[in-house]
Full PDB file with SEQRES, HELIX, SHEET, SSBOND, CRYST1, ORIGX, SCALE, CONECT and MASTER records, all heavy atoms in Angstrom:
SEQRES   1 A   31  GLU SER GLU LEU SER ARG ILE GLU ASP ARG LEU ASP LEU          
SEQRES   2 A   31  ILE HIS SER LEU TYR ARG LYS TYR GLY GLY SER HIS ASP          
SEQRES   3 A   31  ALA VAL ILE ALA PHE                                          
HELIX    1 AA1 SER A    2  TYR A   21  1                                  20    
HELIX    2 AA2 HIS A   25  ALA A   30  1                                   6    
CRYST1    1.000    1.000    1.000  90.00  90.00  90.00 P 1           1          
ORIGX1      1.000000  0.000000  0.000000        0.00000                         
ORIGX2      0.000000  1.000000  0.000000        0.00000                         
ORIGX3      0.000000  0.000000  1.000000        0.00000                         
SCALE1      1.000000  0.000000  0.000000        0.00000                         
SCALE2      0.000000  1.000000  0.000000        0.00000                         
SCALE3      0.000000  0.000000  1.000000        0.00000                         
ATOM      1  N   GLU A   1       3.892 -23.004  -2.797  1.00  0.00           N  
ATOM      2  CA  GLU A   1       2.928 -22.192  -1.971  1.00  0.00           C  
ATOM      3  C   GLU A   1       3.637 -21.036  -1.118  1.00  0.00           C  
ATOM      4  O   GLU A   1       3.075 -20.080  -1.096  1.00  0.00           O  
ATOM      5  CB  GLU A   1       2.230 -23.130  -0.984  1.00  0.00           C  
ATOM      6  CG  GLU A   1       1.307 -24.232  -1.659  1.00  0.00           C  
ATOM      7  CD  GLU A   1       0.145 -23.604  -2.484  1.00  0.00           C  
ATOM      8  OE1 GLU A   1      -0.191 -22.353  -1.943  1.00  0.00           O  
ATOM      9  OE2 GLU A   1      -0.418 -24.177  -3.336  1.00  0.00           O  
ATOM     10  N   SER A   2       4.788 -21.350  -0.757  1.00  0.00           N  
ATOM     11  CA  SER A   2       5.403 -20.350   0.104  1.00  0.00           C  
ATOM     12  C   SER A   2       5.894 -19.184  -0.880  1.00  0.00           C  
ATOM     13  O   SER A   2       5.807 -18.027  -0.453  1.00  0.00           O  
ATOM     14  CB  SER A   2       6.727 -20.897   0.690  1.00  0.00           C  
ATOM     15  OG  SER A   2       7.747 -21.360  -0.280  1.00  0.00           O  
ATOM     16  N   GLU A   3       6.277 -19.432  -2.103  1.00  0.00           N  
ATOM     17  CA  GLU A   3       6.659 -18.402  -3.102  1.00  0.00           C  
ATOM     18  C   GLU A   3       5.359 -17.606  -3.472  1.00  0.00           C  
ATOM     19  O   GLU A   3       5.423 -16.387  -3.564  1.00  0.00           O  
ATOM     20  CB  GLU A   3       7.258 -18.994  -4.268  1.00  0.00           C  
ATOM     21  CG  GLU A   3       7.612 -17.845  -5.372  1.00  0.00           C  
ATOM     22  CD  GLU A   3       8.640 -16.911  -4.995  1.00  0.00           C  
ATOM     23  OE1 GLU A   3       9.174 -17.027  -3.851  1.00  0.00           O  
ATOM     24  OE2 GLU A   3       8.949 -15.940  -5.803  1.00  0.00           O  
ATOM     25  N   LEU A   4       4.205 -18.269  -3.541  1.00  0.00           N  
ATOM     26  CA  LEU A   4       3.031 -17.644  -3.946  1.00  0.00           C  
ATOM     27  C   LEU A   4       2.542 -16.741  -2.766  1.00  0.00           C  
ATOM     28  O   LEU A   4       2.043 -15.663  -3.048  1.00  0.00           O  
ATOM     29  CB  LEU A   4       1.977 -18.746  -4.145  1.00  0.00           C  
ATOM     30  CG  LEU A   4       0.573 -18.200  -4.670  1.00  0.00           C  
ATOM     31  CD1 LEU A   4       0.618 -17.327  -5.855  1.00  0.00           C  
ATOM     32  CD2 LEU A   4      -0.419 -19.329  -4.782  1.00  0.00           C  
ATOM     33  N   SER A   5       2.696 -17.229  -1.512  1.00  0.00           N  
ATOM     34  CA  SER A   5       2.325 -16.442  -0.427  1.00  0.00           C  
ATOM     35  C   SER A   5       3.107 -15.064  -0.318  1.00  0.00           C  
ATOM     36  O   SER A   5       2.718 -14.084   0.015  1.00  0.00           O  
ATOM     37  CB  SER A   5       2.524 -17.223   0.916  1.00  0.00           C  
ATOM     38  OG  SER A   5       2.233 -16.484   2.064  1.00  0.00           O  
ATOM     39  N   ARG A   6       4.494 -15.239  -0.634  1.00  0.00           N  
ATOM     40  CA  ARG A   6       5.459 -14.146  -0.566  1.00  0.00           C  
ATOM     41  C   ARG A   6       4.926 -13.102  -1.639  1.00  0.00           C  
ATOM     42  O   ARG A   6       5.006 -11.884  -1.363  1.00  0.00           O  
ATOM     43  CB  ARG A   6       6.848 -14.562  -0.907  1.00  0.00           C  
ATOM     44  CG  ARG A   6       7.906 -13.492  -0.780  1.00  0.00           C  
ATOM     45  CD  ARG A   6       9.148 -13.907  -1.422  1.00  0.00           C  
ATOM     46  NE  ARG A   6       9.117 -13.992  -2.845  1.00  0.00           N  
ATOM     47  CZ  ARG A   6       9.163 -12.957  -3.717  1.00  0.00           C  
ATOM     48  NH1 ARG A   6       9.277 -11.719  -3.195  1.00  0.00           N  
ATOM     49  NH2 ARG A   6       9.107 -13.080  -4.996  1.00  0.00           N  
ATOM     50  N   ILE A   7       4.588 -13.613  -2.807  1.00  0.00           N  
ATOM     51  CA  ILE A   7       4.197 -12.756  -3.917  1.00  0.00           C  
ATOM     52  C   ILE A   7       2.932 -11.933  -3.469  1.00  0.00           C  
ATOM     53  O   ILE A   7       2.806 -10.731  -3.673  1.00  0.00           O  
ATOM     54  CB  ILE A   7       4.007 -13.472  -5.227  1.00  0.00           C  
ATOM     55  CG1 ILE A   7       5.351 -13.975  -5.732  1.00  0.00           C  
ATOM     56  CG2 ILE A   7       3.328 -12.593  -6.272  1.00  0.00           C  
ATOM     57  CD1 ILE A   7       5.199 -14.897  -6.863  1.00  0.00           C  
ATOM     58  N   GLU A   8       2.005 -12.651  -2.890  1.00  0.00           N  
ATOM     59  CA  GLU A   8       0.791 -12.109  -2.475  1.00  0.00           C  
ATOM     60  C   GLU A   8       0.945 -10.924  -1.494  1.00  0.00           C  
ATOM     61  O   GLU A   8       0.418  -9.911  -1.546  1.00  0.00           O  
ATOM     62  CB  GLU A   8      -0.287 -13.139  -1.971  1.00  0.00           C  
ATOM     63  CG  GLU A   8      -0.723 -14.169  -2.962  1.00  0.00           C  
ATOM     64  CD  GLU A   8      -1.758 -13.565  -3.898  1.00  0.00           C  
ATOM     65  OE1 GLU A   8      -2.093 -12.409  -3.918  1.00  0.00           O  
ATOM     66  OE2 GLU A   8      -2.301 -14.389  -4.709  1.00  0.00           O  
ATOM     67  N   ASP A   9       1.834 -11.278  -0.499  1.00  0.00           N  
ATOM     68  CA  ASP A   9       2.197 -10.267   0.535  1.00  0.00           C  
ATOM     69  C   ASP A   9       2.836  -9.108  -0.023  1.00  0.00           C  
ATOM     70  O   ASP A   9       2.505  -7.931   0.298  1.00  0.00           O  
ATOM     71  CB  ASP A   9       2.969 -10.820   1.609  1.00  0.00           C  
ATOM     72  CG  ASP A   9       2.329 -11.937   2.440  1.00  0.00           C  
ATOM     73  OD1 ASP A   9       1.057 -11.952   2.435  1.00  0.00           O  
ATOM     74  OD2 ASP A   9       3.069 -12.794   3.102  1.00  0.00           O  
ATOM     75  N   ARG A  10       3.725  -9.288  -1.084  1.00  0.00           N  
ATOM     76  CA  ARG A  10       4.442  -8.138  -1.646  1.00  0.00           C  
ATOM     77  C   ARG A  10       3.432  -7.330  -2.435  1.00  0.00           C  
ATOM     78  O   ARG A  10       3.509  -6.099  -2.446  1.00  0.00           O  
ATOM     79  CB  ARG A  10       5.525  -8.744  -2.503  1.00  0.00           C  
ATOM     80  CG  ARG A  10       6.392  -7.577  -3.192  1.00  0.00           C  
ATOM     81  CD  ARG A  10       7.126  -6.879  -2.206  1.00  0.00           C  
ATOM     82  NE  ARG A  10       8.007  -5.847  -2.901  1.00  0.00           N  
ATOM     83  CZ  ARG A  10       8.687  -4.924  -2.264  1.00  0.00           C  
ATOM     84  NH1 ARG A  10       8.528  -4.734  -0.963  1.00  0.00           N  
ATOM     85  NH2 ARG A  10       9.384  -4.067  -2.959  1.00  0.00           N  
ATOM     86  N   LEU A  11       2.517  -7.854  -3.155  1.00  0.00           N  
ATOM     87  CA  LEU A  11       1.581  -7.165  -3.937  1.00  0.00           C  
ATOM     88  C   LEU A  11       0.654  -6.329  -2.989  1.00  0.00           C  
ATOM     89  O   LEU A  11       0.228  -5.240  -3.383  1.00  0.00           O  
ATOM     90  CB  LEU A  11       0.850  -8.150  -4.897  1.00  0.00           C  
ATOM     91  CG  LEU A  11       1.463  -8.554  -6.069  1.00  0.00           C  
ATOM     92  CD1 LEU A  11       0.692  -9.672  -6.762  1.00  0.00           C  
ATOM     93  CD2 LEU A  11       1.751  -7.438  -7.083  1.00  0.00           C  
ATOM     94  N   ASP A  12       0.231  -7.000  -1.872  1.00  0.00           N  
ATOM     95  CA  ASP A  12      -0.631  -6.248  -0.964  1.00  0.00           C  
ATOM     96  C   ASP A  12       0.088  -4.992  -0.445  1.00  0.00           C  
ATOM     97  O   ASP A  12      -0.466  -3.979  -0.358  1.00  0.00           O  
ATOM     98  CB  ASP A  12      -0.905  -7.151   0.241  1.00  0.00           C  
ATOM     99  CG  ASP A  12      -1.957  -8.268  -0.128  1.00  0.00           C  
ATOM    100  OD1 ASP A  12      -2.691  -8.093  -1.165  1.00  0.00           O  
ATOM    101  OD2 ASP A  12      -2.066  -9.182   0.685  1.00  0.00           O  
ATOM    102  N   LEU A  13       1.352  -5.131  -0.136  1.00  0.00           N  
ATOM    103  CA  LEU A  13       2.208  -3.973   0.257  1.00  0.00           C  
ATOM    104  C   LEU A  13       2.265  -2.885  -0.788  1.00  0.00           C  
ATOM    105  O   LEU A  13       2.008  -1.696  -0.468  1.00  0.00           O  
ATOM    106  CB  LEU A  13       3.636  -4.391   0.714  1.00  0.00           C  
ATOM    107  CG  LEU A  13       4.540  -3.288   1.097  1.00  0.00           C  
ATOM    108  CD1 LEU A  13       4.115  -2.481   2.325  1.00  0.00           C  
ATOM    109  CD2 LEU A  13       5.931  -3.825   1.384  1.00  0.00           C  
ATOM    110  N   ILE A  14       2.499  -3.263  -1.988  1.00  0.00           N  
ATOM    111  CA  ILE A  14       2.630  -2.337  -3.123  1.00  0.00           C  
ATOM    112  C   ILE A  14       1.360  -1.608  -3.287  1.00  0.00           C  
ATOM    113  O   ILE A  14       1.233  -0.421  -3.431  1.00  0.00           O  
ATOM    114  CB  ILE A  14       3.091  -3.061  -4.424  1.00  0.00           C  
ATOM    115  CG1 ILE A  14       4.514  -3.531  -4.307  1.00  0.00           C  
ATOM    116  CG2 ILE A  14       2.946  -2.163  -5.630  1.00  0.00           C  
ATOM    117  CD1 ILE A  14       4.939  -4.414  -5.422  1.00  0.00           C  
ATOM    118  N   HIS A  15       0.214  -2.394  -3.344  1.00  0.00           N  
ATOM    119  CA  HIS A  15      -1.141  -1.757  -3.534  1.00  0.00           C  
ATOM    120  C   HIS A  15      -1.529  -0.820  -2.456  1.00  0.00           C  
ATOM    121  O   HIS A  15      -2.169   0.119  -2.603  1.00  0.00           O  
ATOM    122  CB  HIS A  15      -2.131  -2.842  -3.724  1.00  0.00           C  
ATOM    123  CG  HIS A  15      -1.993  -3.686  -5.033  1.00  0.00           C  
ATOM    124  ND1 HIS A  15      -2.456  -4.987  -5.166  1.00  0.00           N  
ATOM    125  CD2 HIS A  15      -1.221  -3.365  -6.141  1.00  0.00           C  
ATOM    126  CE1 HIS A  15      -2.126  -5.389  -6.440  1.00  0.00           C  
ATOM    127  NE2 HIS A  15      -1.424  -4.401  -7.076  1.00  0.00           N  
ATOM    128  N   SER A  16      -1.031  -1.170  -1.242  1.00  0.00           N  
ATOM    129  CA  SER A  16      -1.341  -0.288  -0.024  1.00  0.00           C  
ATOM    130  C   SER A  16      -0.660   1.005  -0.178  1.00  0.00           C  
ATOM    131  O   SER A  16      -1.204   2.055   0.044  1.00  0.00           O  
ATOM    132  CB  SER A  16      -0.933  -1.027   1.297  1.00  0.00           C  
ATOM    133  OG  SER A  16      -1.070  -0.191   2.374  1.00  0.00           O  
ATOM    134  N   LEU A  17       0.608   0.919  -0.622  1.00  0.00           N  
ATOM    135  CA  LEU A  17       1.322   2.168  -0.870  1.00  0.00           C  
ATOM    136  C   LEU A  17       0.758   3.039  -1.998  1.00  0.00           C  
ATOM    137  O   LEU A  17       0.718   4.272  -1.841  1.00  0.00           O  
ATOM    138  CB  LEU A  17       2.788   1.735  -1.094  1.00  0.00           C  
ATOM    139  CG  LEU A  17       3.588   1.246   0.066  1.00  0.00           C  
ATOM    140  CD1 LEU A  17       5.084   0.878  -0.481  1.00  0.00           C  
ATOM    141  CD2 LEU A  17       3.649   2.242   1.246  1.00  0.00           C  
ATOM    142  N   TYR A  18       0.267   2.275  -3.034  1.00  0.00           N  
ATOM    143  CA  TYR A  18      -0.402   3.030  -4.207  1.00  0.00           C  
ATOM    144  C   TYR A  18      -1.616   3.778  -3.613  1.00  0.00           C  
ATOM    145  O   TYR A  18      -1.844   4.824  -3.999  1.00  0.00           O  
ATOM    146  CB  TYR A  18      -0.706   2.089  -5.259  1.00  0.00           C  
ATOM    147  CG  TYR A  18       0.459   1.538  -6.026  1.00  0.00           C  
ATOM    148  CD1 TYR A  18       1.749   2.008  -5.760  1.00  0.00           C  
ATOM    149  CD2 TYR A  18       0.256   0.733  -7.156  1.00  0.00           C  
ATOM    150  CE1 TYR A  18       2.872   1.574  -6.495  1.00  0.00           C  
ATOM    151  CE2 TYR A  18       1.410   0.308  -7.932  1.00  0.00           C  
ATOM    152  CZ  TYR A  18       2.668   0.651  -7.663  1.00  0.00           C  
ATOM    153  OH  TYR A  18       3.664   0.220  -8.290  1.00  0.00           O  
ATOM    154  N   ARG A  19      -2.365   3.050  -2.876  1.00  0.00           N  
ATOM    155  CA  ARG A  19      -3.641   3.756  -2.385  1.00  0.00           C  
ATOM    156  C   ARG A  19      -3.278   4.920  -1.545  1.00  0.00           C  
ATOM    157  O   ARG A  19      -4.008   5.920  -1.543  1.00  0.00           O  
ATOM    158  CB  ARG A  19      -4.395   2.672  -1.569  1.00  0.00           C  
ATOM    159  CG  ARG A  19      -5.118   1.665  -2.347  1.00  0.00           C  
ATOM    160  CD  ARG A  19      -6.130   0.853  -1.578  1.00  0.00           C  
ATOM    161  NE  ARG A  19      -5.537   0.204  -0.346  1.00  0.00           N  
ATOM    162  CZ  ARG A  19      -5.086  -1.022  -0.453  1.00  0.00           C  
ATOM    163  NH1 ARG A  19      -5.216  -1.791  -1.654  1.00  0.00           N  
ATOM    164  NH2 ARG A  19      -4.513  -1.594   0.602  1.00  0.00           N  
ATOM    165  N   LYS A  20      -2.211   4.891  -0.753  1.00  0.00           N  
ATOM    166  CA  LYS A  20      -1.888   5.912   0.214  1.00  0.00           C  
ATOM    167  C   LYS A  20      -1.277   7.223  -0.517  1.00  0.00           C  
ATOM    168  O   LYS A  20      -1.614   8.267  -0.102  1.00  0.00           O  
ATOM    169  CB  LYS A  20      -1.042   5.389   1.278  1.00  0.00           C  
ATOM    170  CG  LYS A  20      -1.646   4.543   2.261  1.00  0.00           C  
ATOM    171  CD  LYS A  20      -0.513   4.116   3.357  1.00  0.00           C  
ATOM    172  CE  LYS A  20      -1.165   3.234   4.457  1.00  0.00           C  
ATOM    173  NZ  LYS A  20      -0.047   2.739   5.423  1.00  0.00           N  
ATOM    174  N   TYR A  21      -0.458   6.808  -1.474  1.00  0.00           N  
ATOM    175  CA  TYR A  21       0.529   7.887  -1.960  1.00  0.00           C  
ATOM    176  C   TYR A  21       0.411   8.056  -3.525  1.00  0.00           C  
ATOM    177  O   TYR A  21       1.408   8.479  -4.065  1.00  0.00           O  
ATOM    178  CB  TYR A  21       1.945   7.449  -1.589  1.00  0.00           C  
ATOM    179  CG  TYR A  21       2.070   7.154  -0.020  1.00  0.00           C  
ATOM    180  CD1 TYR A  21       2.544   5.984   0.406  1.00  0.00           C  
ATOM    181  CD2 TYR A  21       1.802   8.254   0.888  1.00  0.00           C  
ATOM    182  CE1 TYR A  21       2.617   5.806   1.786  1.00  0.00           C  
ATOM    183  CE2 TYR A  21       1.966   8.039   2.251  1.00  0.00           C  
ATOM    184  CZ  TYR A  21       2.409   6.793   2.603  1.00  0.00           C  
ATOM    185  OH  TYR A  21       2.598   6.559   4.017  1.00  0.00           O  
ATOM    186  N   GLY A  22      -0.761   7.948  -4.039  1.00  0.00           N  
ATOM    187  CA  GLY A  22      -0.922   8.421  -5.359  1.00  0.00           C  
ATOM    188  C   GLY A  22      -1.301   7.428  -6.486  1.00  0.00           C  
ATOM    189  O   GLY A  22      -1.705   7.896  -7.569  1.00  0.00           O  
ATOM    190  N   GLY A  23      -1.326   6.206  -6.270  1.00  0.00           N  
ATOM    191  CA  GLY A  23      -1.881   5.287  -7.211  1.00  0.00           C  
ATOM    192  C   GLY A  23      -1.008   4.534  -8.212  1.00  0.00           C  
ATOM    193  O   GLY A  23      -1.404   3.733  -8.987  1.00  0.00           O  
ATOM    194  N   SER A  24       0.333   4.961  -8.164  1.00  0.00           N  
ATOM    195  CA  SER A  24       1.242   4.253  -9.210  1.00  0.00           C  
ATOM    196  C   SER A  24       2.666   4.384  -8.548  1.00  0.00           C  
ATOM    197  O   SER A  24       2.934   5.165  -7.591  1.00  0.00           O  
ATOM    198  CB  SER A  24       1.264   5.062 -10.503  1.00  0.00           C  
ATOM    199  OG  SER A  24       1.703   6.358 -10.451  1.00  0.00           O  
ATOM    200  N   HIS A  25       3.549   3.687  -9.225  1.00  0.00           N  
ATOM    201  CA  HIS A  25       4.953   3.694  -8.707  1.00  0.00           C  
ATOM    202  C   HIS A  25       5.562   5.122  -8.804  1.00  0.00           C  
ATOM    203  O   HIS A  25       6.164   5.587  -7.824  1.00  0.00           O  
ATOM    204  CB  HIS A  25       5.839   2.708  -9.610  1.00  0.00           C  
ATOM    205  CG  HIS A  25       7.255   2.757  -9.267  1.00  0.00           C  
ATOM    206  ND1 HIS A  25       8.109   3.625  -9.991  1.00  0.00           N  
ATOM    207  CD2 HIS A  25       8.016   2.083  -8.384  1.00  0.00           C  
ATOM    208  CE1 HIS A  25       9.371   3.393  -9.511  1.00  0.00           C  
ATOM    209  NE2 HIS A  25       9.306   2.533  -8.476  1.00  0.00           N  
ATOM    210  N   ASP A  26       5.280   5.749  -9.921  1.00  0.00           N  
ATOM    211  CA  ASP A  26       5.895   7.077 -10.108  1.00  0.00           C  
ATOM    212  C   ASP A  26       5.344   8.003  -9.158  1.00  0.00           C  
ATOM    213  O   ASP A  26       6.106   8.929  -8.699  1.00  0.00           O  
ATOM    214  CB  ASP A  26       5.638   7.615 -11.615  1.00  0.00           C  
ATOM    215  CG  ASP A  26       6.497   6.794 -12.498  1.00  0.00           C  
ATOM    216  OD1 ASP A  26       7.414   6.145 -12.218  1.00  0.00           O  
ATOM    217  OD2 ASP A  26       6.117   6.856 -13.754  1.00  0.00           O  
ATOM    218  N   ALA A  27       3.960   7.996  -8.917  1.00  0.00           N  
ATOM    219  CA  ALA A  27       3.374   8.871  -7.892  1.00  0.00           C  
ATOM    220  C   ALA A  27       3.821   8.620  -6.499  1.00  0.00           C  
ATOM    221  O   ALA A  27       4.174   9.670  -5.824  1.00  0.00           O  
ATOM    222  CB  ALA A  27       1.871   8.613  -7.927  1.00  0.00           C  
ATOM    223  N   VAL A  28       4.239   7.432  -6.108  1.00  0.00           N  
ATOM    224  CA  VAL A  28       4.718   7.137  -4.841  1.00  0.00           C  
ATOM    225  C   VAL A  28       6.099   7.671  -4.716  1.00  0.00           C  
ATOM    226  O   VAL A  28       6.468   8.356  -3.647  1.00  0.00           O  
ATOM    227  CB  VAL A  28       4.749   5.614  -4.471  1.00  0.00           C  
ATOM    228  CG1 VAL A  28       5.486   5.364  -3.292  1.00  0.00           C  
ATOM    229  CG2 VAL A  28       3.325   5.093  -4.433  1.00  0.00           C  
ATOM    230  N   ILE A  29       6.914   7.558  -5.736  1.00  0.00           N  
ATOM    231  CA  ILE A  29       8.322   8.055  -5.621  1.00  0.00           C  
ATOM    232  C   ILE A  29       8.214   9.680  -5.667  1.00  0.00           C  
ATOM    233  O   ILE A  29       9.033  10.250  -4.935  1.00  0.00           O  
ATOM    234  CB  ILE A  29       9.075   7.660  -6.959  1.00  0.00           C  
ATOM    235  CG1 ILE A  29       9.186   6.112  -6.924  1.00  0.00           C  
ATOM    236  CG2 ILE A  29      10.476   8.340  -6.893  1.00  0.00           C  
ATOM    237  CD1 ILE A  29       9.824   5.551  -5.590  1.00  0.00           C  
ATOM    238  N   ALA A  30       7.349  10.275  -6.417  1.00  0.00           N  
ATOM    239  CA  ALA A  30       7.173  11.730  -6.267  1.00  0.00           C  
ATOM    240  C   ALA A  30       6.707  12.223  -4.979  1.00  0.00           C  
ATOM    241  O   ALA A  30       7.273  13.174  -4.493  1.00  0.00           O  
ATOM    242  CB  ALA A  30       6.193  12.180  -7.388  1.00  0.00           C  
ATOM    243  N   PHE A  31       5.829  11.408  -4.365  1.00  0.00           N  
ATOM    244  CA  PHE A  31       5.455  11.711  -2.963  1.00  0.00           C  
ATOM    245  C   PHE A  31       6.579  11.613  -2.027  1.00  0.00           C  
ATOM    246  O   PHE A  31       6.708  12.539  -1.132  1.00  0.00           O  
ATOM    247  CB  PHE A  31       4.276  10.730  -2.608  1.00  0.00           C  
ATOM    248  CG  PHE A  31       3.729  11.062  -1.172  1.00  0.00           C  
ATOM    249  CD1 PHE A  31       2.569  11.879  -1.098  1.00  0.00           C  
ATOM    250  CD2 PHE A  31       4.351  10.587  -0.032  1.00  0.00           C  
ATOM    251  CE1 PHE A  31       2.038  12.158   0.176  1.00  0.00           C  
ATOM    252  CE2 PHE A  31       3.792  10.931   1.204  1.00  0.00           C  
ATOM    253  CZ  PHE A  31       2.649  11.653   1.357  1.00  0.00           C  
TER     254      PHE A  31                                                      
MASTER        0    0    0    2    0    0    0    6  253    1    0    3          
END                                                                             
């Protein structure tokens, strides 16, 4: 459960950055 919670939190952070800065990993890095 702790690992699952860590993964969920990490995905929430990644998706938050995607929404703010372009929608993908490459777009965020370009930003």
